[in-house]
Amino acid sequence: SLLRRSYQSIEPCGDIVTEAPSLSEIVSRFGADARAKLNNPAVVGEPEEQLRTPLHNLVEDIAELIGLAAEGIELVGETLVADLMTRPDYAVTRKSALIGFIEIKAPGKGADPSKFSAKSHDKAQWERLKSLPNLIYTDGNAFSLWQDGKLAAPIVHLSGDVRTAGPGLAAPI
């Protein structure tokens, strides 16, 4: 893919070598891609929608970074979960088996759905999604993993704001 080509180098003998990017490089690229999509000078799109492609690339790059542990990861957009009557932004599969879901929120909304206001669309959606066994919530600035409605690990907050940091967006230390 085009993204992977950006991490290639040329050896002195002329061979092209593909190197797995570091987590810092991956987050920096995500920041650059997201800022460009969120700040297009010609048109304004829905902020949540603008994170889709940068997030997809982020997941692909992290999968490449961790190697075989993520071999065969695919993101499938807007997959209907019929019994919940909702469509998470992505279903995540590995080697053709469903392993979880990703729900994207507009930057600034946060990654803690328990803090959404009581009568909002986001809260109503959370009430439907919280029964899923593996669900990542993100607004591009923070990422959380929920399992059966419970926070499974501390929320990860990136340094900087995905709307403005560009390549200065950084992974937590």
C-alpha atoms as a PDB file:
ATOM      1  CA  SER A   1       0.000   0.000   0.000  1.00  0.00           C
ATOM      2  CA  LEU A   2       1.013   3.627  -0.342  1.00  0.00           C
ATOM      3  CA  LEU A   3       1.338   3.931   3.424  1.00  0.00           C
ATOM      4  CA  ARG A   4       3.788   1.072   3.657  1.00  0.00           C
ATOM      5  CA  ARG A   5       5.932   2.570   0.866  1.00  0.00           C
ATOM      6  CA  SER A   6       6.538   5.615   3.016  1.00  0.00           C
ATOM      7  CA  TYR A   7       8.500   3.430   5.439  1.00  0.00           C
ATOM      8  CA  GLN A   8      10.857   1.978   2.834  1.00  0.00           C
ATOM      9  CA  SER A   9      14.525   2.771   2.694  1.00  0.00           C
ATOM     10  CA  ILE A  10      17.193   2.133   0.097  1.00  0.00           C
ATOM     11  CA  GLU A  11      20.250   0.163   1.139  1.00  0.00           C
ATOM     12  CA  PRO A  12      23.705   1.193  -0.196  1.00  0.00           C
ATOM     13  CA  CYS A  13      23.564  -1.725  -2.658  1.00  0.00           C
ATOM     14  CA  GLY A  14      20.341  -0.291  -4.133  1.00  0.00           C
ATOM     15  CA  ASP A  15      17.920  -2.776  -2.569  1.00  0.00           C
ATOM     16  CA  ILE A  16      14.650  -1.409  -1.217  1.00  0.00           C
ATOM     17  CA  VAL A  17      14.034  -2.559   2.328  1.00  0.00           C
ATOM     18  CA  THR A  18      10.671  -2.245   4.032  1.00  0.00           C
ATOM     19  CA  GLU A  19      11.027  -1.488   7.711  1.00  0.00           C
ATOM     20  CA  ALA A  20       8.221  -1.712  10.210  1.00  0.00           C
ATOM     21  CA  PRO A  21       7.581   1.792  11.524  1.00  0.00           C
ATOM     22  CA  SER A  22       7.885   2.549  15.218  1.00  0.00           C
ATOM     23  CA  LEU A  23       4.791   3.334  17.275  1.00  0.00           C
ATOM     24  CA  SER A  24       5.912   6.988  17.348  1.00  0.00           C
ATOM     25  CA  GLU A  25       6.062   7.076  13.545  1.00  0.00           C
ATOM     26  CA  ILE A  26       2.662   5.383  13.264  1.00  0.00           C
ATOM     27  CA  VAL A  27       0.952   7.855  15.608  1.00  0.00           C
ATOM     28  CA  SER A  28       2.679  10.780  13.899  1.00  0.00           C
ATOM     29  CA  ARG A  29       1.398   9.595  10.511  1.00  0.00           C
ATOM     30  CA  PHE A  30      -2.107   9.140  11.969  1.00  0.00           C
ATOM     31  CA  GLY A  31      -1.941  12.721  13.277  1.00  0.00           C
ATOM     32  CA  ALA A  32      -0.848  14.088   9.911  1.00  0.00           C
ATOM     33  CA  ASP A  33      -3.526  12.155   8.025  1.00  0.00           C
ATOM     34  CA  ALA A  34      -6.280  13.089  10.479  1.00  0.00           C
ATOM     35  CA  ARG A  35      -5.409  16.794  10.558  1.00  0.00           C
ATOM     36  CA  ALA A  36      -5.390  16.927   6.760  1.00  0.00           C
ATOM     37  CA  LYS A  37      -8.822  15.264   6.561  1.00  0.00           C
ATOM     38  CA  LEU A  38     -10.311  17.346   9.381  1.00  0.00           C
ATOM     39  CA  ASN A  39      -8.996  20.667   8.055  1.00  0.00           C
ATOM     40  CA  ASN A  40      -9.622  20.464   4.321  1.00  0.00           C
ATOM     41  CA  PRO A  41      -9.759  24.095   3.119  1.00  0.00           C
ATOM     42  CA  ALA A  42     -12.175  23.354   0.261  1.00  0.00           C
ATOM     43  CA  VAL A  43     -14.962  21.484   2.058  1.00  0.00           C
ATOM     44  CA  VAL A  44     -16.027  20.493   5.552  1.00  0.00           C
ATOM     45  CA  GLY A  45     -17.207  16.956   6.237  1.00  0.00           C
ATOM     46  CA  GLU A  46     -18.571  15.295   9.349  1.00  0.00           C
ATOM     47  CA  PRO A  47     -15.625  15.100  11.796  1.00  0.00           C
ATOM     48  CA  GLU A  48     -16.325  11.480  12.763  1.00  0.00           C
ATOM     49  CA  GLU A  49     -16.334  10.426   9.120  1.00  0.00           C
ATOM     50  CA  GLN A  50     -13.005  12.176   8.485  1.00  0.00           C
ATOM     51  CA  LEU A  51     -11.301   9.866  11.002  1.00  0.00           C
ATOM     52  CA  ARG A  52     -12.278   6.664   9.175  1.00  0.00           C
ATOM     53  CA  THR A  53      -9.413   6.445   6.672  1.00  0.00           C
ATOM     54  CA  PRO A  54      -6.694   7.651   9.083  1.00  0.00           C
ATOM     55  CA  LEU A  55      -7.964   5.178  11.701  1.00  0.00           C
ATOM     56  CA  HIS A  56      -8.044   2.326   9.191  1.00  0.00           C
ATOM     57  CA  ASN A  57      -4.423   3.110   8.275  1.00  0.00           C
ATOM     58  CA  LEU A  58      -3.495   3.334  11.971  1.00  0.00           C
ATOM     59  CA  VAL A  59      -4.873  -0.148  12.634  1.00  0.00           C
ATOM     60  CA  GLU A  60      -3.075  -1.570   9.585  1.00  0.00           C
ATOM     61  CA  ASP A  61       0.209  -0.001  10.678  1.00  0.00           C
ATOM     62  CA  ILE A  62      -0.110  -1.235  14.261  1.00  0.00           C
ATOM     63  CA  ALA A  63      -0.909  -4.715  12.943  1.00  0.00           C
ATOM     64  CA  GLU A  64       2.263  -4.577  10.844  1.00  0.00           C
ATOM     65  CA  LEU A  65       4.252  -3.377  13.859  1.00  0.00           C
ATOM     66  CA  ILE A  66       3.170  -6.283  16.061  1.00  0.00           C
ATOM     67  CA  GLY A  67       3.633  -8.825  13.277  1.00  0.00           C
ATOM     68  CA  LEU A  68       2.166 -12.303  13.399  1.00  0.00           C
ATOM     69  CA  ALA A  69       0.008 -11.476  16.411  1.00  0.00           C
ATOM     70  CA  ALA A  70      -2.163  -9.392  14.083  1.00  0.00           C
ATOM     71  CA  GLU A  71      -1.758 -11.314  10.836  1.00  0.00           C
ATOM     72  CA  GLY A  72      -4.972 -11.325   8.838  1.00  0.00           C
ATOM     73  CA  ILE A  73      -6.617  -8.332  10.566  1.00  0.00           C
ATOM     74  CA  GLU A  74      -9.341  -6.702   8.455  1.00  0.00           C
ATOM     75  CA  LEU A  75     -11.719  -3.819   9.180  1.00  0.00           C
ATOM     76  CA  VAL A  76     -15.187  -4.003   7.642  1.00  0.00           C
ATOM     77  CA  GLY A  77     -17.110  -0.738   7.676  1.00  0.00           C
ATOM     78  CA  GLU A  78     -20.678  -0.174   8.885  1.00  0.00           C
ATOM     79  CA  THR A  79     -21.478  -3.798   9.714  1.00  0.00           C
ATOM     80  CA  LEU A  80     -25.030  -4.337  10.925  1.00  0.00           C
ATOM     81  CA  VAL A  81     -25.425  -6.011  14.313  1.00  0.00           C
ATOM     82  CA  ALA A  82     -29.045  -6.961  13.667  1.00  0.00           C
ATOM     83  CA  ASP A  83     -30.064  -8.081  17.156  1.00  0.00           C
ATOM     84  CA  LEU A  84     -28.819  -4.739  18.569  1.00  0.00           C
ATOM     85  CA  MET A  85     -30.237  -2.714  15.653  1.00  0.00           C
ATOM     86  CA  THR A  86     -27.032  -0.718  15.251  1.00  0.00           C
ATOM     87  CA  ARG A  87     -23.992  -0.421  12.986  1.00  0.00           C
ATOM     88  CA  PRO A  88     -20.615   0.075  14.662  1.00  0.00           C
ATOM     89  CA  ASP A  89     -18.209   1.958  12.404  1.00  0.00           C
ATOM     90  CA  TYR A  90     -16.050  -1.143  11.961  1.00  0.00           C
ATOM     91  CA  ALA A  91     -16.243  -4.845  12.600  1.00  0.00           C
ATOM     92  CA  VAL A  92     -12.749  -6.264  13.125  1.00  0.00           C
ATOM     93  CA  THR A  93     -11.919  -9.719  11.826  1.00  0.00           C
ATOM     94  CA  ARG A  94      -8.797 -11.833  12.035  1.00  0.00           C
ATOM     95  CA  LYS A  95      -8.376 -14.684   9.592  1.00  0.00           C
ATOM     96  CA  SER A  96     -12.083 -14.384   8.755  1.00  0.00           C
ATOM     97  CA  ALA A  97     -13.266 -14.637  12.386  1.00  0.00           C
ATOM     98  CA  LEU A  98     -15.064 -11.719  14.038  1.00  0.00           C
ATOM     99  CA  ILE A  99     -12.985 -10.488  17.001  1.00  0.00           C
ATOM    100  CA  GLY A 100     -14.487  -7.103  17.859  1.00  0.00           C
ATOM    101  CA  PHE A 101     -15.782  -3.716  16.823  1.00  0.00           C
ATOM    102  CA  ILE A 102     -14.611  -0.095  16.639  1.00  0.00           C
ATOM    103  CA  GLU A 103     -16.881   2.892  17.228  1.00  0.00           C
ATOM    104  CA  ILE A 104     -15.576   6.302  16.141  1.00  0.00           C
ATOM    105  CA  LYS A 105     -16.793   9.536  17.692  1.00  0.00           C
ATOM    106  CA  ALA A 106     -16.050  13.098  16.612  1.00  0.00           C
ATOM    107  CA  PRO A 107     -12.811  14.518  18.039  1.00  0.00           C
ATOM    108  CA  GLY A 108     -13.403  15.998  21.454  1.00  0.00           C
ATOM    109  CA  LYS A 109     -16.234  13.627  22.438  1.00  0.00           C
ATOM    110  CA  GLY A 110     -13.841  11.344  24.268  1.00  0.00           C
ATOM    111  CA  ALA A 111     -13.549   7.580  24.471  1.00  0.00           C
ATOM    112  CA  ASP A 112     -15.593   7.032  27.625  1.00  0.00           C
ATOM    113  CA  PRO A 113     -19.199   6.377  26.599  1.00  0.00           C
ATOM    114  CA  SER A 114     -20.299   6.294  30.239  1.00  0.00           C
ATOM    115  CA  LYS A 115     -19.790  10.087  30.225  1.00  0.00           C
ATOM    116  CA  PHE A 116     -22.076  10.791  27.268  1.00  0.00           C
ATOM    117  CA  SER A 117     -25.098  12.917  28.183  1.00  0.00           C
ATOM    118  CA  ALA A 118     -28.180  10.916  29.134  1.00  0.00           C
ATOM    119  CA  LYS A 119     -30.455  11.918  26.249  1.00  0.00           C
ATOM    120  CA  SER A 120     -27.899  11.982  23.446  1.00  0.00           C
ATOM    121  CA  HIS A 121     -27.730   9.767  20.364  1.00  0.00           C
ATOM    122  CA  ASP A 122     -24.285   8.667  21.535  1.00  0.00           C
ATOM    123  CA  LYS A 123     -25.637   7.476  24.903  1.00  0.00           C
ATOM    124  CA  ALA A 124     -28.500   5.586  23.259  1.00  0.00           C
ATOM    125  CA  GLN A 125     -26.032   3.960  20.877  1.00  0.00           C
ATOM    126  CA  TRP A 126     -23.763   3.007  23.807  1.00  0.00           C
ATOM    127  CA  GLU A 127     -26.716   1.301  25.503  1.00  0.00           C
ATOM    128  CA  ARG A 128     -27.044  -0.914  22.416  1.00  0.00           C
ATOM    129  CA  LEU A 129     -23.307  -1.504  21.900  1.00  0.00           C
ATOM    130  CA  LYS A 130     -22.208  -2.143  25.477  1.00  0.00           C
ATOM    131  CA  SER A 131     -23.176  -5.822  25.350  1.00  0.00           C
ATOM    132  CA  LEU A 132     -20.513  -6.516  22.701  1.00  0.00           C
ATOM    133  CA  PRO A 133     -17.593  -8.610  23.983  1.00  0.00           C
ATOM    134  CA  ASN A 134     -14.810  -6.451  22.425  1.00  0.00           C
ATOM    135  CA  LEU A 135     -15.479  -2.840  21.520  1.00  0.00           C
ATOM    136  CA  ILE A 136     -12.992  -0.030  21.004  1.00  0.00           C
ATOM    137  CA  TYR A 137     -14.289   3.537  21.350  1.00  0.00           C
ATOM    138  CA  THR A 138     -12.194   6.378  19.955  1.00  0.00           C
ATOM    139  CA  ASP A 139     -12.438  10.056  19.107  1.00  0.00           C
ATOM    140  CA  GLY A 140      -8.943  10.029  17.601  1.00  0.00           C
ATOM    141  CA  ASN A 141      -7.471  11.558  20.757  1.00  0.00           C
ATOM    142  CA  ALA A 142      -8.287   8.708  23.134  1.00  0.00           C
ATOM    143  CA  PHE A 143      -8.900   4.979  22.797  1.00  0.00           C
ATOM    144  CA  SER A 144     -10.762   2.666  25.163  1.00  0.00           C
ATOM    145  CA  LEU A 145     -11.488  -1.065  25.162  1.00  0.00           C
ATOM    146  CA  TRP A 146     -14.828  -2.251  26.510  1.00  0.00           C
ATOM    147  CA  GLN A 147     -15.738  -5.868  27.138  1.00  0.00           C
ATOM    148  CA  ASP A 148     -19.360  -6.654  27.941  1.00  0.00           C
ATOM    149  CA  GLY A 149     -19.987  -3.056  29.037  1.00  0.00           C
ATOM    150  CA  LYS A 150     -16.948  -2.805  31.321  1.00  0.00           C
ATOM    151  CA  LEU A 151     -13.773  -0.849  30.734  1.00  0.00           C
ATOM    152  CA  ALA A 152     -11.130  -3.553  30.165  1.00  0.00           C
ATOM    153  CA  ALA A 153      -7.984  -1.397  30.431  1.00  0.00           C
ATOM    154  CA  PRO A 154      -7.086   2.212  31.193  1.00  0.00           C
ATOM    155  CA  ILE A 155      -8.108   4.689  28.495  1.00  0.00           C
ATOM    156  CA  VAL A 156      -5.146   5.622  26.296  1.00  0.00           C
ATOM    157  CA  HIS A 157      -4.828   9.351  25.565  1.00  0.00           C
ATOM    158  CA  LEU A 158      -2.545  10.568  22.776  1.00  0.00           C
ATOM    159  CA  SER A 159      -0.452  13.698  23.321  1.00  0.00           C
ATOM    160  CA  GLY A 160      -1.831  16.541  21.257  1.00  0.00           C
ATOM    161  CA  ASP A 161      -5.153  17.042  19.554  1.00  0.00           C
ATOM    162  CA  VAL A 162      -5.918  15.025  16.440  1.00  0.00           C
ATOM    163  CA  ARG A 163      -7.576  18.109  14.907  1.00  0.00           C
ATOM    164  CA  THR A 164      -4.476  20.290  15.100  1.00  0.00           C
ATOM    165  CA  ALA A 165      -1.303  18.383  16.088  1.00  0.00           C
ATOM    166  CA  GLY A 166      -0.602  16.836  12.698  1.00  0.00           C
ATOM    167  CA  PRO A 167       2.657  14.874  12.762  1.00  0.00           C
ATOM    168  CA  GLY A 168       3.249  16.200  16.290  1.00  0.00           C
ATOM    169  CA  LEU A 169       0.573  13.833  17.632  1.00  0.00           C
ATOM    170  CA  ALA A 170       2.357  11.437  19.958  1.00  0.00           C
ATOM    171  CA  ALA A 171       1.781   8.128  21.685  1.00  0.00           C
ATOM    172  CA  PRO A 172       1.808   8.204  25.478  1.00  0.00           C
ATOM    173  CA  ILE A 173       5.113   7.387  27.066  1.00  0.00           C
END
